[in-house]
Amino acid sequence: GGGKRSVDDFHRTLGKLMWDNCGMARNKAGLEENLRKIPELREQFWKEAYVPGGSDELNPWLEKAGRVADFLEFAEIMCHDALYRDESCGGHFREEHQTEEGEAVRNDEDFAHVAVWEHQGVGVKPALHKEPLVFENVKLTTRSYK
């Protein structure tokens, strides 16, 4: 490609956005920031990514560019899911949902389901599919990590 930025640069930029705003601890403002910045980064990627090598042989640079393109789509869906899941649960800690002691606060009434997101295309919000969780042998309880 004739772009100026390396695919690795886009990969690093996306990684930093995800680390900063969609990591183990996240909040609404950071997730909304990512949902603004990731589409901008994807647009830059398609315009500015430099992919060396040719088309007449196996091109690992092109393969890497394809993976980063997938990561951009997946990262956006992850941020949609994290923003939608308005609770703290397991390793996904929403800073807005914690006790005074810093313990996670779940919302079992609204989120006792598996959320599966279906990509609808670039610039289109993904579709949410829910599968209820049924607890037959274990009761939902609040864990303490103290």
N, C-alpha and C. Protein backbone atom coordinates (compact mmCIF):
# COMPACT_ATOMS: atom_id res chain seq x y z
N GLY A 1 0.82 -1.19 0.00
CA GLY A 1 0.00 0.00 0.00
C GLY A 1 0.85 1.25 0.00
N GLY A 2 0.27 2.36 -0.33
CA GLY A 2 0.99 3.62 -0.42
C GLY A 2 0.85 4.50 0.79
N GLY A 3 0.42 3.94 1.90
CA GLY A 3 0.25 4.75 3.10
C GLY A 3 1.56 5.10 3.77
N LYS A 4 1.47 5.86 4.85
CA LYS A 4 2.67 6.36 5.53
C LYS A 4 2.89 5.73 6.91
N ARG A 5 1.83 5.18 7.53
CA ARG A 5 1.95 4.63 8.89
C ARG A 5 2.04 3.11 8.84
N SER A 6 2.88 2.57 9.69
CA SER A 6 3.03 1.12 9.72
C SER A 6 1.80 0.48 10.38
N VAL A 7 1.54 -0.75 9.99
CA VAL A 7 0.46 -1.52 10.60
C VAL A 7 0.73 -1.68 12.09
N ASP A 8 2.02 -1.87 12.46
CA ASP A 8 2.38 -1.98 13.88
C ASP A 8 2.00 -0.73 14.66
N ASP A 9 2.13 0.44 14.04
CA ASP A 9 1.76 1.69 14.71
C ASP A 9 0.26 1.70 15.01
N PHE A 10 -0.55 1.29 14.06
CA PHE A 10 -2.00 1.21 14.29
C PHE A 10 -2.32 0.19 15.38
N HIS A 11 -1.62 -0.94 15.35
CA HIS A 11 -1.83 -1.99 16.35
C HIS A 11 -1.51 -1.46 17.75
N ARG A 12 -0.39 -0.77 17.89
CA ARG A 12 0.00 -0.18 19.19
C ARG A 12 -1.01 0.86 19.65
N THR A 13 -1.46 1.72 18.73
CA THR A 13 -2.42 2.76 19.09
C THR A 13 -3.72 2.14 19.59
N LEU A 14 -4.20 1.12 18.88
CA LEU A 14 -5.42 0.43 19.31
C LEU A 14 -5.20 -0.25 20.65
N GLY A 15 -4.06 -0.90 20.82
CA GLY A 15 -3.76 -1.56 22.09
C GLY A 15 -3.78 -0.60 23.26
N LYS A 16 -3.23 0.59 23.07
CA LYS A 16 -3.22 1.58 24.15
C LYS A 16 -4.64 2.05 24.47
N LEU A 17 -5.46 2.29 23.44
CA LEU A 17 -6.86 2.68 23.68
C LEU A 17 -7.58 1.60 24.50
N MET A 18 -7.38 0.35 24.13
CA MET A 18 -8.06 -0.74 24.84
C MET A 18 -7.52 -0.89 26.26
N TRP A 19 -6.22 -0.79 26.43
CA TRP A 19 -5.62 -0.90 27.76
C TRP A 19 -6.12 0.21 28.67
N ASP A 20 -6.14 1.43 28.14
CA ASP A 20 -6.53 2.58 28.95
C ASP A 20 -8.02 2.62 29.27
N ASN A 21 -8.87 2.19 28.34
CA ASN A 21 -10.31 2.44 28.48
C ASN A 21 -11.21 1.22 28.48
N CYS A 22 -10.66 0.04 28.18
CA CYS A 22 -11.50 -1.17 28.15
C CYS A 22 -10.75 -2.35 28.74
N GLY A 23 -9.93 -2.06 29.75
CA GLY A 23 -9.17 -3.10 30.42
C GLY A 23 -9.94 -3.67 31.59
N MET A 24 -9.22 -4.13 32.59
CA MET A 24 -9.87 -4.73 33.76
C MET A 24 -10.76 -3.73 34.48
N ALA A 25 -10.32 -2.49 34.60
CA ALA A 25 -11.14 -1.43 35.19
C ALA A 25 -11.51 -0.47 34.07
N ARG A 26 -12.80 -0.17 34.00
CA ARG A 26 -13.25 0.71 32.93
C ARG A 26 -14.38 1.57 33.45
N ASN A 27 -14.70 2.63 32.71
CA ASN A 27 -15.81 3.49 33.10
C ASN A 27 -16.51 3.99 31.83
N LYS A 28 -17.70 4.54 32.02
CA LYS A 28 -18.54 4.97 30.90
C LYS A 28 -17.81 5.98 30.01
N ALA A 29 -17.17 6.97 30.61
CA ALA A 29 -16.51 8.02 29.83
C ALA A 29 -15.41 7.44 28.94
N GLY A 30 -14.59 6.54 29.48
CA GLY A 30 -13.51 5.94 28.70
C GLY A 30 -14.03 5.06 27.58
N LEU A 31 -15.09 4.31 27.86
CA LEU A 31 -15.68 3.45 26.83
C LEU A 31 -16.29 4.29 25.71
N GLU A 32 -16.97 5.37 26.08
CA GLU A 32 -17.53 6.26 25.06
C GLU A 32 -16.42 6.93 24.25
N GLU A 33 -15.31 7.25 24.91
CA GLU A 33 -14.16 7.81 24.18
C GLU A 33 -13.65 6.82 23.15
N ASN A 34 -13.51 5.55 23.55
CA ASN A 34 -13.06 4.53 22.60
C ASN A 34 -14.03 4.38 21.43
N LEU A 35 -15.33 4.47 21.72
CA LEU A 35 -16.31 4.31 20.64
C LEU A 35 -16.30 5.49 19.68
N ARG A 36 -15.68 6.59 20.07
CA ARG A 36 -15.44 7.71 19.14
C ARG A 36 -14.11 7.52 18.41
N LYS A 37 -13.08 7.09 19.15
CA LYS A 37 -11.73 7.04 18.59
C LYS A 37 -11.47 5.83 17.70
N ILE A 38 -12.04 4.68 18.02
CA ILE A 38 -11.76 3.48 17.23
C ILE A 38 -12.26 3.62 15.79
N PRO A 39 -13.48 4.12 15.55
CA PRO A 39 -13.88 4.33 14.14
C PRO A 39 -12.96 5.32 13.41
N GLU A 40 -12.49 6.35 14.10
CA GLU A 40 -11.55 7.29 13.49
C GLU A 40 -10.24 6.58 13.14
N LEU A 41 -9.76 5.75 14.07
CA LEU A 41 -8.52 5.00 13.84
C LEU A 41 -8.69 4.03 12.68
N ARG A 42 -9.84 3.36 12.60
CA ARG A 42 -10.10 2.43 11.50
C ARG A 42 -10.08 3.18 10.16
N GLU A 43 -10.70 4.34 10.12
CA GLU A 43 -10.71 5.14 8.88
C GLU A 43 -9.29 5.53 8.48
N GLN A 44 -8.48 5.95 9.46
CA GLN A 44 -7.08 6.28 9.18
C GLN A 44 -6.33 5.04 8.69
N PHE A 45 -6.60 3.89 9.32
CA PHE A 45 -5.94 2.64 8.94
C PHE A 45 -6.14 2.36 7.45
N TRP A 46 -7.38 2.44 6.98
CA TRP A 46 -7.66 2.11 5.58
C TRP A 46 -7.09 3.15 4.62
N LYS A 47 -6.86 4.36 5.09
CA LYS A 47 -6.29 5.41 4.23
C LYS A 47 -4.77 5.47 4.31
N GLU A 48 -4.20 5.20 5.49
CA GLU A 48 -2.80 5.53 5.75
C GLU A 48 -1.88 4.35 6.03
N ALA A 49 -2.42 3.13 6.17
CA ALA A 49 -1.56 2.00 6.53
C ALA A 49 -0.61 1.67 5.38
N TYR A 50 0.64 1.48 5.73
CA TYR A 50 1.66 1.07 4.77
C TYR A 50 1.85 -0.43 4.89
N VAL A 51 1.64 -1.15 3.80
CA VAL A 51 1.81 -2.60 3.78
C VAL A 51 2.88 -2.93 2.74
N PRO A 52 4.11 -3.23 3.21
CA PRO A 52 5.18 -3.55 2.25
C PRO A 52 4.97 -4.92 1.62
N GLY A 53 5.79 -5.23 0.65
CA GLY A 53 5.73 -6.54 0.00
C GLY A 53 4.85 -6.50 -1.23
N GLY A 54 4.84 -7.63 -1.92
CA GLY A 54 4.08 -7.71 -3.16
C GLY A 54 2.93 -8.69 -3.07
N SER A 55 2.23 -8.80 -4.19
CA SER A 55 1.07 -9.69 -4.24
C SER A 55 1.38 -11.01 -4.93
N ASP A 56 2.64 -11.19 -5.35
CA ASP A 56 3.01 -12.39 -6.10
C ASP A 56 3.60 -13.49 -5.21
N GLU A 57 3.58 -13.28 -3.89
CA GLU A 57 4.11 -14.28 -2.96
C GLU A 57 3.41 -14.13 -1.61
N LEU A 58 3.63 -15.09 -0.74
CA LEU A 58 3.08 -15.00 0.61
C LEU A 58 3.60 -13.72 1.27
N ASN A 59 2.70 -12.90 1.75
CA ASN A 59 3.08 -11.60 2.29
C ASN A 59 2.66 -11.51 3.76
N PRO A 60 3.61 -11.74 4.69
CA PRO A 60 3.26 -11.68 6.11
C PRO A 60 2.79 -10.29 6.56
N TRP A 61 3.23 -9.25 5.87
CA TRP A 61 2.79 -7.89 6.23
C TRP A 61 1.31 -7.71 5.92
N LEU A 62 0.89 -8.25 4.79
CA LEU A 62 -0.53 -8.19 4.41
C LEU A 62 -1.37 -9.02 5.39
N GLU A 63 -0.83 -10.17 5.78
CA GLU A 63 -1.51 -11.02 6.76
C GLU A 63 -1.69 -10.27 8.08
N LYS A 64 -0.65 -9.59 8.53
CA LYS A 64 -0.72 -8.80 9.77
C LYS A 64 -1.74 -7.67 9.63
N ALA A 65 -1.75 -7.01 8.49
CA ALA A 65 -2.72 -5.92 8.26
C ALA A 65 -4.15 -6.45 8.35
N GLY A 66 -4.38 -7.64 7.83
CA GLY A 66 -5.71 -8.25 7.93
C GLY A 66 -6.10 -8.52 9.37
N ARG A 67 -5.14 -8.98 10.17
CA ARG A 67 -5.42 -9.22 11.60
C ARG A 67 -5.74 -7.92 12.31
N VAL A 68 -4.98 -6.87 12.04
CA VAL A 68 -5.23 -5.57 12.70
C VAL A 68 -6.58 -5.02 12.27
N ALA A 69 -6.96 -5.20 11.01
CA ALA A 69 -8.30 -4.78 10.57
C ALA A 69 -9.37 -5.51 11.38
N ASP A 70 -9.18 -6.81 11.61
CA ASP A 70 -10.12 -7.58 12.44
C ASP A 70 -10.12 -7.06 13.88
N PHE A 71 -8.92 -6.75 14.41
CA PHE A 71 -8.83 -6.25 15.79
C PHE A 71 -9.60 -4.95 15.95
N LEU A 72 -9.56 -4.09 14.94
CA LEU A 72 -10.29 -2.82 15.00
C LEU A 72 -11.79 -3.06 15.13
N GLU A 73 -12.32 -4.00 14.36
CA GLU A 73 -13.74 -4.33 14.46
C GLU A 73 -14.06 -4.96 15.80
N PHE A 74 -13.22 -5.90 16.23
CA PHE A 74 -13.47 -6.61 17.49
C PHE A 74 -13.38 -5.67 18.68
N ALA A 75 -12.42 -4.76 18.67
CA ALA A 75 -12.26 -3.81 19.77
C ALA A 75 -13.50 -2.93 19.91
N GLU A 76 -14.06 -2.53 18.79
CA GLU A 76 -15.26 -1.70 18.85
C GLU A 76 -16.43 -2.48 19.46
N ILE A 77 -16.58 -3.75 19.07
CA ILE A 77 -17.64 -4.58 19.65
C ILE A 77 -17.40 -4.80 21.14
N MET A 78 -16.14 -5.02 21.53
CA MET A 78 -15.83 -5.18 22.96
C MET A 78 -16.25 -3.94 23.75
N CYS A 79 -16.00 -2.76 23.20
CA CYS A 79 -16.36 -1.52 23.90
C CYS A 79 -17.88 -1.36 23.97
N HIS A 80 -18.59 -1.74 22.91
CA HIS A 80 -20.06 -1.72 22.96
C HIS A 80 -20.55 -2.63 24.09
N ASP A 81 -19.98 -3.84 24.17
CA ASP A 81 -20.39 -4.79 25.20
C ASP A 81 -20.09 -4.26 26.60
N ALA A 82 -18.90 -3.73 26.79
CA ALA A 82 -18.50 -3.22 28.11
C ALA A 82 -19.37 -2.04 28.53
N LEU A 83 -19.74 -1.19 27.58
CA LEU A 83 -20.61 -0.05 27.89
C LEU A 83 -22.02 -0.53 28.21
N TYR A 84 -22.50 -1.50 27.45
CA TYR A 84 -23.84 -2.06 27.67
C TYR A 84 -23.94 -2.72 29.05
N ARG A 85 -22.91 -3.46 29.45
CA ARG A 85 -22.95 -4.21 30.71
C ARG A 85 -22.69 -3.24 31.85
N ASP A 86 -23.76 -2.64 32.30
CA ASP A 86 -23.72 -1.56 33.29
C ASP A 86 -23.66 -2.15 34.70
N GLU A 87 -22.55 -2.84 34.98
CA GLU A 87 -22.33 -3.50 36.27
C GLU A 87 -20.85 -3.86 36.36
N SER A 88 -20.45 -4.32 37.54
CA SER A 88 -19.14 -4.94 37.70
C SER A 88 -19.38 -6.43 37.89
N CYS A 89 -18.63 -7.24 37.16
CA CYS A 89 -18.85 -8.69 37.26
C CYS A 89 -17.55 -9.40 36.93
N GLY A 90 -17.11 -10.26 37.84
CA GLY A 90 -15.90 -11.03 37.59
C GLY A 90 -14.71 -10.12 37.35
N GLY A 91 -14.01 -10.36 36.25
CA GLY A 91 -12.83 -9.55 35.93
C GLY A 91 -13.16 -8.26 35.20
N HIS A 92 -14.43 -7.95 35.07
CA HIS A 92 -14.84 -6.74 34.35
C HIS A 92 -15.38 -5.73 35.35
N PHE A 93 -14.55 -4.81 35.73
CA PHE A 93 -14.86 -3.88 36.83
C PHE A 93 -15.24 -2.53 36.27
N ARG A 94 -16.50 -2.15 36.43
CA ARG A 94 -16.94 -0.81 36.07
C ARG A 94 -16.77 0.06 37.30
N GLU A 95 -15.97 1.09 37.17
CA GLU A 95 -15.65 1.95 38.31
C GLU A 95 -16.89 2.57 38.93
N GLU A 96 -17.96 2.74 38.14
CA GLU A 96 -19.20 3.32 38.67
C GLU A 96 -19.97 2.35 39.55
N HIS A 97 -19.61 1.06 39.52
CA HIS A 97 -20.37 0.03 40.24
C HIS A 97 -19.46 -0.70 41.22
N GLN A 98 -19.26 -0.07 42.37
CA GLN A 98 -18.45 -0.66 43.43
C GLN A 98 -18.97 -0.19 44.78
N THR A 99 -18.68 -0.99 45.80
CA THR A 99 -19.04 -0.61 47.16
C THR A 99 -18.06 0.44 47.66
N GLU A 100 -18.33 0.99 48.83
CA GLU A 100 -17.41 1.96 49.43
C GLU A 100 -16.04 1.33 49.69
N GLU A 101 -16.02 0.01 49.87
CA GLU A 101 -14.75 -0.70 50.10
C GLU A 101 -14.05 -1.10 48.80
N GLY A 102 -14.64 -0.75 47.66
CA GLY A 102 -14.02 -1.06 46.38
C GLY A 102 -14.37 -2.43 45.82
N GLU A 103 -15.38 -3.10 46.40
CA GLU A 103 -15.81 -4.40 45.90
C GLU A 103 -16.75 -4.22 44.71
N ALA A 104 -16.73 -5.18 43.80
CA ALA A 104 -17.59 -5.14 42.62
C ALA A 104 -19.06 -5.25 43.00
N VAL A 105 -19.91 -4.50 42.29
CA VAL A 105 -21.37 -4.59 42.48
C VAL A 105 -21.98 -5.08 41.17
N ARG A 106 -22.53 -6.31 41.23
CA ARG A 106 -23.20 -6.90 40.06
C ARG A 106 -24.64 -6.42 39.97
N ASN A 107 -25.23 -6.62 38.80
CA ASN A 107 -26.65 -6.33 38.56
C ASN A 107 -27.26 -7.60 37.97
N ASP A 108 -27.53 -8.59 38.84
CA ASP A 108 -28.03 -9.88 38.37
C ASP A 108 -29.41 -9.78 37.74
N GLU A 109 -30.20 -8.82 38.17
CA GLU A 109 -31.56 -8.68 37.64
C GLU A 109 -31.53 -8.38 36.13
N ASP A 110 -30.61 -7.52 35.71
CA ASP A 110 -30.57 -7.11 34.31
C ASP A 110 -29.52 -7.84 33.47
N PHE A 111 -28.56 -8.52 34.12
CA PHE A 111 -27.44 -9.06 33.34
C PHE A 111 -27.15 -10.53 33.61
N ALA A 112 -28.14 -11.31 34.05
CA ALA A 112 -27.93 -12.76 34.21
C ALA A 112 -28.19 -13.44 32.87
N HIS A 113 -27.38 -13.09 31.89
CA HIS A 113 -27.49 -13.67 30.55
C HIS A 113 -26.13 -13.60 29.85
N VAL A 114 -26.00 -14.42 28.84
CA VAL A 114 -24.84 -14.35 27.95
C VAL A 114 -25.19 -13.34 26.87
N ALA A 115 -24.29 -12.42 26.61
CA ALA A 115 -24.49 -11.43 25.55
C ALA A 115 -23.61 -11.80 24.36
N VAL A 116 -24.22 -11.95 23.21
CA VAL A 116 -23.50 -12.25 21.98
C VAL A 116 -23.79 -11.11 21.00
N TRP A 117 -22.73 -10.53 20.48
CA TRP A 117 -22.88 -9.38 19.59
C TRP A 117 -22.61 -9.79 18.15
N GLU A 118 -23.47 -9.35 17.26
CA GLU A 118 -23.34 -9.66 15.84
C GLU A 118 -22.94 -8.41 15.08
N HIS A 119 -21.79 -8.49 14.42
CA HIS A 119 -21.30 -7.37 13.62
C HIS A 119 -22.27 -7.11 12.47
N GLN A 120 -22.69 -5.85 12.31
CA GLN A 120 -23.67 -5.47 11.29
C GLN A 120 -23.04 -4.69 10.14
N GLY A 121 -21.75 -4.44 10.24
CA GLY A 121 -21.07 -3.66 9.21
C GLY A 121 -20.44 -2.43 9.81
N VAL A 122 -19.50 -1.86 9.08
CA VAL A 122 -18.78 -0.67 9.54
C VAL A 122 -19.76 0.49 9.71
N GLY A 123 -19.68 1.15 10.85
CA GLY A 123 -20.51 2.31 11.11
C GLY A 123 -21.92 1.98 11.58
N VAL A 124 -22.21 0.69 11.76
CA VAL A 124 -23.53 0.25 12.22
C VAL A 124 -23.36 -0.40 13.59
N LYS A 125 -24.21 -0.02 14.54
CA LYS A 125 -24.12 -0.60 15.89
C LYS A 125 -24.36 -2.11 15.81
N PRO A 126 -23.55 -2.91 16.51
CA PRO A 126 -23.74 -4.36 16.46
C PRO A 126 -25.08 -4.76 17.10
N ALA A 127 -25.61 -5.90 16.66
CA ALA A 127 -26.87 -6.41 17.20
C ALA A 127 -26.59 -7.29 18.41
N LEU A 128 -27.38 -7.12 19.45
CA LEU A 128 -27.23 -7.89 20.68
C LEU A 128 -28.19 -9.08 20.65
N HIS A 129 -27.64 -10.26 20.96
CA HIS A 129 -28.44 -11.48 21.14
C HIS A 129 -28.19 -11.94 22.58
N LYS A 130 -29.26 -12.29 23.30
CA LYS A 130 -29.13 -12.69 24.70
C LYS A 130 -29.56 -14.14 24.88
N GLU A 131 -28.81 -14.84 25.74
CA GLU A 131 -29.19 -16.19 26.16
C GLU A 131 -29.23 -16.18 27.68
N PRO A 132 -30.40 -16.42 28.28
CA PRO A 132 -30.50 -16.35 29.74
C PRO A 132 -29.62 -17.40 30.42
N LEU A 133 -29.07 -17.03 31.56
CA LEU A 133 -28.32 -17.97 32.38
C LEU A 133 -29.29 -18.58 33.38
N VAL A 134 -29.28 -19.90 33.48
CA VAL A 134 -30.16 -20.61 34.41
C VAL A 134 -29.26 -21.27 35.44
N PHE A 135 -29.52 -20.97 36.70
CA PHE A 135 -28.72 -21.51 37.80
C PHE A 135 -29.55 -22.56 38.52
N GLU A 136 -29.25 -23.83 38.28
CA GLU A 136 -30.00 -24.92 38.90
C GLU A 136 -29.32 -25.45 40.15
N ASN A 137 -28.00 -25.48 40.17
CA ASN A 137 -27.27 -26.10 41.27
C ASN A 137 -26.55 -25.09 42.16
N VAL A 138 -26.44 -23.88 41.71
CA VAL A 138 -25.71 -22.85 42.45
C VAL A 138 -26.58 -21.61 42.53
N LYS A 139 -26.60 -20.98 43.69
CA LYS A 139 -27.35 -19.73 43.83
C LYS A 139 -26.41 -18.56 43.54
N LEU A 140 -26.96 -17.53 42.91
CA LEU A 140 -26.18 -16.31 42.70
C LEU A 140 -25.95 -15.65 44.05
N THR A 141 -24.70 -15.40 44.36
CA THR A 141 -24.35 -14.71 45.60
C THR A 141 -23.24 -13.71 45.29
N THR A 142 -23.10 -12.75 46.15
CA THR A 142 -22.04 -11.76 46.01
C THR A 142 -20.77 -12.32 46.63
N ARG A 143 -19.70 -12.32 45.85
CA ARG A 143 -18.41 -12.81 46.35
C ARG A 143 -17.68 -11.69 47.06
N SER A 144 -16.88 -12.09 48.03
CA SER A 144 -15.99 -11.13 48.68
C SER A 144 -14.56 -11.53 48.35
N TYR A 145 -13.78 -10.55 47.94
CA TYR A 145 -12.38 -10.82 47.60
C TYR A 145 -11.44 -10.39 48.73
N LYS A 146 -11.99 -10.17 49.90
CA LYS A 146 -11.18 -9.74 51.04
C LYS A 146 -10.51 -10.93 51.69
